Amino acid sequence: DAPFRIQTGNEQVLSFNPATPRELLLQGKAVGATVLTLWFGDRNDPAKQETLSYLVRIFPDPDAKDRVEKAYKA
């Protein structure tokens, strides 16, 4: 099913864009952690809703420093 609502706890750490009704593109914006919550079911009846929550952790890219140094040397 496609979620009818999507929320991230900290938009400074994680952003999202729906690619299709059933696919999300996630982008880490800063090192840290946040919760991504998706709501499914009948948006008008809370008794018929289900939520899924995910802890999303963003780690630094270990190769980023090397790429930047190579770019500056070039």
C-alpha atoms as a PDB file:
ATOM      1  CA  ASP A   1       0.000   0.000   0.000  1.00  0.00           C
ATOM      2  CA  ALA A   2       1.013   3.590  -0.489  1.00  0.00           C
ATOM      3  CA  PRO A   3       1.361   5.673   2.677  1.00  0.00           C
ATOM      4  CA  PHE A   4      -1.034   8.592   3.013  1.00  0.00           C
ATOM      5  CA  ARG A   5       1.339  10.511   5.299  1.00  0.00           C
ATOM      6  CA  ILE A   6       5.122  10.598   5.678  1.00  0.00           C
ATOM      7  CA  GLN A   7       7.074  12.461   8.334  1.00  0.00           C
ATOM      8  CA  THR A   8      10.684  12.749   9.400  1.00  0.00           C
ATOM      9  CA  GLY A   9      11.495  13.839  12.927  1.00  0.00           C
ATOM     10  CA  ASN A  10      14.408  16.074  11.949  1.00  0.00           C
ATOM     11  CA  GLU A  11      14.405  17.547   8.447  1.00  0.00           C
ATOM     12  CA  GLN A  12      17.926  18.894   8.998  1.00  0.00           C
ATOM     13  CA  VAL A  13      19.211  15.292   9.133  1.00  0.00           C
ATOM     14  CA  LEU A  14      16.981  13.514   6.596  1.00  0.00           C
ATOM     15  CA  SER A  15      14.849  14.600   3.665  1.00  0.00           C
ATOM     16  CA  PHE A  16      12.609  12.467   1.483  1.00  0.00           C
ATOM     17  CA  ASN A  17      10.882  12.669  -1.868  1.00  0.00           C
ATOM     18  CA  PRO A  18       8.208  10.260  -3.092  1.00  0.00           C
ATOM     19  CA  ALA A  19       9.526   8.690  -6.319  1.00  0.00           C
ATOM     20  CA  THR A  20       6.308   6.757  -6.917  1.00  0.00           C
ATOM     21  CA  PRO A  21       3.286   6.158  -4.660  1.00  0.00           C
ATOM     22  CA  ARG A  22       5.150   3.136  -3.224  1.00  0.00           C
ATOM     23  CA  GLU A  23       8.785   4.317  -3.303  1.00  0.00           C
ATOM     24  CA  LEU A  24      10.638   6.967  -1.317  1.00  0.00           C
ATOM     25  CA  LEU A  25      13.978   8.548  -2.070  1.00  0.00           C
ATOM     26  CA  LEU A  26      15.844   9.312   1.152  1.00  0.00           C
ATOM     27  CA  GLN A  27      18.699  11.798   1.355  1.00  0.00           C
ATOM     28  CA  GLY A  28      20.957  12.229   4.342  1.00  0.00           C
ATOM     29  CA  LYS A  29      21.596  15.924   4.875  1.00  0.00           C
ATOM     30  CA  ALA A  30      23.743  15.838   8.016  1.00  0.00           C
ATOM     31  CA  VAL A  31      25.344  13.292  10.302  1.00  0.00           C
ATOM     32  CA  GLY A  32      22.878  12.234  12.976  1.00  0.00           C
ATOM     33  CA  ALA A  33      19.757  10.191  13.602  1.00  0.00           C
ATOM     34  CA  THR A  34      16.050  10.751  13.174  1.00  0.00           C
ATOM     35  CA  VAL A  35      12.819   8.790  12.923  1.00  0.00           C
ATOM     36  CA  LEU A  36      10.956   8.290   9.647  1.00  0.00           C
ATOM     37  CA  THR A  37       7.256   7.507  10.151  1.00  0.00           C
ATOM     38  CA  LEU A  38       4.792   6.308   7.514  1.00  0.00           C
ATOM     39  CA  TRP A  39       1.022   6.087   7.933  1.00  0.00           C
ATOM     40  CA  PHE A  40      -1.071   3.511   6.065  1.00  0.00           C
ATOM     41  CA  GLY A  41      -4.752   2.629   5.904  1.00  0.00           C
ATOM     42  CA  ASP A  42      -7.847   4.795   6.092  1.00  0.00           C
ATOM     43  CA  ARG A  43      -6.799   8.417   6.594  1.00  0.00           C
ATOM     44  CA  ASN A  44     -10.280   9.250   7.951  1.00  0.00           C
ATOM     45  CA  ASP A  45     -10.510   6.442  10.522  1.00  0.00           C
ATOM     46  CA  PRO A  46      -7.693   6.235  13.083  1.00  0.00           C
ATOM     47  CA  ALA A  47      -8.870   2.755  14.131  1.00  0.00           C
ATOM     48  CA  LYS A  48      -8.037   1.491  10.637  1.00  0.00           C
ATOM     49  CA  GLN A  49      -4.574   3.048  10.459  1.00  0.00           C
ATOM     50  CA  GLU A  50      -1.169   1.477  10.871  1.00  0.00           C
ATOM     51  CA  THR A  51       2.127   3.264  11.309  1.00  0.00           C
ATOM     52  CA  LEU A  52       5.643   2.148  10.599  1.00  0.00           C
ATOM     53  CA  SER A  53       8.531   3.983  12.232  1.00  0.00           C
ATOM     54  CA  TYR A  54      12.167   3.570  11.310  1.00  0.00           C
ATOM     55  CA  LEU A  55      15.244   4.860  13.086  1.00  0.00           C
ATOM     56  CA  VAL A  56      17.444   6.302  10.347  1.00  0.00           C
ATOM     57  CA  ARG A  57      21.099   6.984  11.109  1.00  0.00           C
ATOM     58  CA  ILE A  58      23.249   9.105   8.834  1.00  0.00           C
ATOM     59  CA  PHE A  59      26.981   8.422   8.983  1.00  0.00           C
ATOM     60  CA  PRO A  60      29.775  10.460   7.416  1.00  0.00           C
ATOM     61  CA  ASP A  61      31.109   9.329   4.055  1.00  0.00           C
ATOM     62  CA  PRO A  62      34.586   7.898   4.789  1.00  0.00           C
ATOM     63  CA  ASP A  63      35.807   8.706   1.268  1.00  0.00           C
ATOM     64  CA  ALA A  64      34.533  12.299   1.134  1.00  0.00           C
ATOM     65  CA  LYS A  65      37.751  13.817   2.486  1.00  0.00           C
ATOM     66  CA  ASP A  66      39.864  11.975  -0.119  1.00  0.00           C
ATOM     67  CA  ARG A  67      37.604  13.140  -2.964  1.00  0.00           C
ATOM     68  CA  VAL A  68      37.777  16.759  -1.822  1.00  0.00           C
ATOM     69  CA  GLU A  69      41.570  16.634  -1.479  1.00  0.00           C
ATOM     70  CA  LYS A  70      41.923  15.151  -4.979  1.00  0.00           C
ATOM     71  CA  ALA A  71      39.648  17.831  -6.411  1.00  0.00           C
ATOM     72  CA  TYR A  72      41.679  20.624  -4.782  1.00  0.00           C
ATOM     73  CA  LYS A  73      44.950  19.121  -6.061  1.00  0.00           C
ATOM     74  CA  ALA A  74      43.558  18.970  -9.587  1.00  0.00           C
END
